[in-house]
Amino acid sequence: MTENNKKHHEEKKHTQDKDDKMVTIEKKEYEDLLKAKETQQKLLYAYADLENINKRISRDADQQLCYANEKIIKEILPVIDNLCRAKEHSSECENNKEQFEKFLNGIELILKQFNDVLSKFGVKELNSVGEKFNPEFHEAMDQIETEEHENGTVVNEYQKGYLLKDRVIRPSKVSVAKKK
């Protein structure tokens, strides 16, 4: 091959490679491709926004859970303060019956304050004594043989039970009557 033939052959090959890489499409197809590319870009942005929203919602939910009890805790703190004051004054009551009665009245007021705070948040005490035993609300600790009460009646309460709205958050620990 001569030098000219070689050049011509290389130029022809180069042009052919270019032609292989180039594709001819109609104007409408080109516009459709541009729209598809634009739609794909919008979809990627929307997906990124959705990911960011999900992360923010998750972070906000974690923070809400972390501080969910703040309101009730703020309400309970004054009750704790009153209990601390009562403890400080308890030593004054050792040999003075009048002071001791005042001390007990103060403790009863603090308990009432505590129950008021709890009821503000939907917490109610379960009244068990005299009620028919219900495993949904009561946890039987023992049975007491008696003729005074019907079989299955709660006769003693060791620990109070509580409801939060309509859900039992702690069952009452009780003694249940058993006929002799």
Protein backbone atom coordinates (compact mmCIF):
# COMPACT_ATOMS: atom_id res chain seq x y z
CA MET A 1 0.00 0.00 0.00
CA THR A 2 1.21 3.38 -0.92
CA GLU A 3 1.35 6.28 1.42
CA ASN A 4 -1.69 7.94 -0.19
CA ASN A 5 -3.70 4.74 -0.07
CA LYS A 6 -2.89 4.34 3.58
CA LYS A 7 -4.08 7.88 4.37
CA HIS A 8 -7.24 7.45 2.37
CA HIS A 9 -7.94 4.11 4.05
CA GLU A 10 -7.43 5.65 7.54
CA GLU A 11 -9.69 8.64 6.72
CA LYS A 12 -12.38 6.31 5.43
CA LYS A 13 -12.09 4.16 8.56
CA HIS A 14 -12.25 7.26 10.79
CA THR A 15 -15.37 8.51 8.99
CA GLN A 16 -16.93 5.08 9.24
CA ASP A 17 -16.25 4.97 13.02
CA LYS A 18 -17.89 8.37 13.36
CA ASP A 19 -20.88 7.21 11.34
CA ASP A 20 -21.19 4.11 13.53
CA LYS A 21 -21.36 6.33 16.62
CA MET A 22 -23.84 8.79 15.16
CA VAL A 23 -27.47 7.92 14.98
CA THR A 24 -30.02 9.89 13.10
CA ILE A 25 -33.38 10.44 14.77
CA GLU A 26 -36.39 12.51 13.96
CA LYS A 27 -37.00 15.84 15.64
CA LYS A 28 -40.04 14.50 17.58
CA GLU A 29 -38.02 11.58 18.91
CA TYR A 30 -35.30 14.00 19.97
CA GLU A 31 -37.84 16.19 21.80
CA ASP A 32 -39.32 13.11 23.48
CA LEU A 33 -35.85 12.08 24.64
CA LEU A 34 -35.26 15.57 26.06
CA LYS A 35 -38.62 15.43 27.89
CA ALA A 36 -37.79 11.98 29.25
CA LYS A 37 -34.41 13.24 30.46
CA GLU A 38 -36.09 16.25 32.08
CA THR A 39 -38.71 14.00 33.72
CA GLN A 40 -35.98 11.69 34.97
CA GLN A 41 -34.17 14.68 36.49
CA LYS A 42 -37.38 15.85 38.21
CA LEU A 43 -37.96 12.34 39.51
CA LEU A 44 -34.46 12.23 41.00
CA TYR A 45 -35.03 15.60 42.73
CA ALA A 46 -38.41 14.42 44.05
CA TYR A 47 -36.83 11.21 45.35
CA ALA A 48 -34.08 13.22 47.09
CA ASP A 49 -36.73 15.51 48.64
CA LEU A 50 -38.69 12.48 49.83
CA GLU A 51 -35.57 10.99 51.42
CA ASN A 52 -34.90 14.29 53.22
CA ILE A 53 -38.50 14.48 54.44
CA ASN A 54 -38.32 10.91 55.75
CA LYS A 55 -35.09 11.68 57.61
CA ARG A 56 -36.61 14.84 59.12
CA ILE A 57 -39.80 13.01 60.17
CA SER A 58 -37.75 10.25 61.77
CA ARG A 59 -35.57 12.77 63.62
CA ASP A 60 -38.66 14.72 64.80
CA ALA A 61 -40.38 11.52 65.96
CA ASP A 62 -37.28 10.49 67.93
CA GLN A 63 -37.14 13.91 69.55
CA GLN A 64 -40.86 13.83 70.39
CA LEU A 65 -40.48 10.44 72.05
CA CYS A 66 -37.48 11.68 73.97
CA TYR A 67 -39.39 14.64 75.43
CA ALA A 68 -42.90 13.17 75.49
CA ASN A 69 -43.01 12.97 79.29
CA GLU A 70 -41.75 16.50 79.90
CA LYS A 71 -45.20 17.92 80.64
CA ILE A 72 -46.10 15.28 83.25
CA ILE A 73 -42.65 15.52 84.84
CA LYS A 74 -43.02 19.29 85.23
CA GLU A 75 -46.36 18.68 86.96
CA ILE A 76 -44.86 16.05 89.29
CA LEU A 77 -41.85 18.11 90.40
CA PRO A 78 -43.86 20.31 92.85
CA VAL A 79 -45.26 17.13 94.41
CA ILE A 80 -41.71 15.86 94.94
CA ASP A 81 -40.78 19.23 96.45
CA ASN A 82 -43.66 18.89 98.92
CA LEU A 83 -42.59 15.35 99.84
CA CYS A 84 -39.06 16.61 100.53
CA ARG A 85 -40.42 19.36 102.78
CA ALA A 86 -42.57 16.79 104.61
CA LYS A 87 -39.55 14.58 105.15
CA GLU A 88 -37.60 17.53 106.60
CA HIS A 89 -40.41 18.24 109.09
CA SER A 90 -40.98 14.59 110.05
CA SER A 91 -38.37 14.72 112.82
CA GLU A 92 -40.36 17.50 114.56
CA CYS A 93 -43.30 15.14 114.99
CA GLU A 94 -41.58 12.35 116.90
CA ASN A 95 -42.94 13.13 120.37
CA ASN A 96 -45.71 15.60 119.59
CA LYS A 97 -49.11 14.12 118.74
CA GLU A 98 -50.51 17.44 117.46
CA GLN A 99 -47.51 17.93 115.14
CA PHE A 100 -47.83 14.33 113.95
CA GLU A 101 -51.50 14.84 112.99
CA LYS A 102 -50.55 17.98 111.04
CA PHE A 103 -47.78 15.98 109.38
CA LEU A 104 -50.26 13.26 108.35
CA ASN A 105 -52.68 15.89 107.00
CA GLY A 106 -49.81 17.32 104.95
CA ILE A 107 -49.00 13.88 103.56
CA GLU A 108 -52.68 13.38 102.62
CA LEU A 109 -52.66 16.75 100.81
CA ILE A 110 -49.53 15.72 98.90
CA LEU A 111 -51.16 12.41 97.90
CA LYS A 112 -54.24 14.33 96.71
CA GLN A 113 -51.95 16.66 94.74
CA PHE A 114 -50.23 13.65 93.19
CA ASN A 115 -53.55 12.03 92.24
CA ASP A 116 -54.75 15.34 90.75
CA VAL A 117 -51.65 15.49 88.55
CA LEU A 118 -52.15 11.89 87.45
CA SER A 119 -55.84 12.41 86.67
CA LYS A 120 -54.89 15.45 84.55
CA PHE A 121 -53.05 13.00 82.32
CA GLY A 122 -55.82 10.39 82.25
CA VAL A 123 -54.52 8.13 85.04
CA LYS A 124 -57.16 6.65 87.36
CA GLU A 125 -56.88 4.39 90.38
CA LEU A 126 -58.57 1.03 90.20
CA ASN A 127 -60.92 0.42 93.13
CA SER A 128 -60.72 -3.27 93.85
CA VAL A 129 -61.89 -4.12 97.37
CA GLY A 130 -65.44 -5.47 97.27
CA GLU A 131 -65.33 -5.97 93.49
CA LYS A 132 -65.56 -9.33 91.74
CA PHE A 133 -62.06 -10.60 90.83
CA ASN A 134 -61.24 -9.76 87.20
CA PRO A 135 -57.87 -10.94 85.83
CA GLU A 136 -57.91 -8.02 83.42
CA PHE A 137 -57.67 -5.58 86.37
CA HIS A 138 -56.42 -7.72 89.27
CA GLU A 139 -53.45 -9.91 90.06
CA ALA A 140 -54.32 -12.46 92.76
CA MET A 141 -51.59 -12.72 95.38
CA ASP A 142 -53.45 -15.14 97.64
CA GLN A 143 -56.84 -16.52 98.61
CA ILE A 144 -58.48 -15.99 101.96
CA GLU A 145 -61.02 -18.48 103.28
CA THR A 146 -64.02 -16.61 104.59
CA GLU A 147 -67.76 -16.86 105.14
CA GLU A 148 -68.23 -13.06 105.03
CA HIS A 149 -67.65 -12.60 101.30
CA GLU A 150 -68.79 -14.30 98.12
CA ASN A 151 -66.41 -16.59 96.30
CA GLY A 152 -64.10 -14.60 93.98
CA THR A 153 -64.59 -11.24 95.70
CA VAL A 154 -61.54 -9.03 96.27
CA VAL A 155 -61.15 -8.67 100.05
CA ASN A 156 -57.76 -7.00 100.38
CA GLU A 157 -55.54 -4.82 98.20
CA TYR A 158 -51.76 -5.00 98.59
CA GLN A 159 -50.95 -2.58 95.80
CA LYS A 160 -53.22 -0.18 93.91
CA GLY A 161 -53.78 -0.69 90.22
CA TYR A 162 -54.00 2.11 87.67
CA LEU A 163 -55.61 2.80 84.31
CA LEU A 164 -54.23 5.17 81.69
CA LYS A 165 -57.35 6.26 79.82
CA ASP A 166 -58.92 2.81 79.30
CA ARG A 167 -55.73 0.70 79.40
CA VAL A 168 -54.50 -1.06 82.54
CA ILE A 169 -50.96 0.15 83.18
CA ARG A 170 -50.67 -1.74 86.46
CA PRO A 171 -53.14 -4.31 87.81
CA SER A 172 -54.11 -4.25 91.50
CA LYS A 173 -52.39 -6.88 93.62
CA VAL A 174 -55.16 -8.41 95.70
CA SER A 175 -56.43 -11.16 98.01
CA VAL A 176 -59.48 -13.03 96.78
CA ALA A 177 -62.22 -14.57 98.94
CA LYS A 178 -62.71 -18.32 98.95
CA LYS A 179 -65.63 -19.99 100.70
CA LYS A 180 -64.69 -22.33 103.54
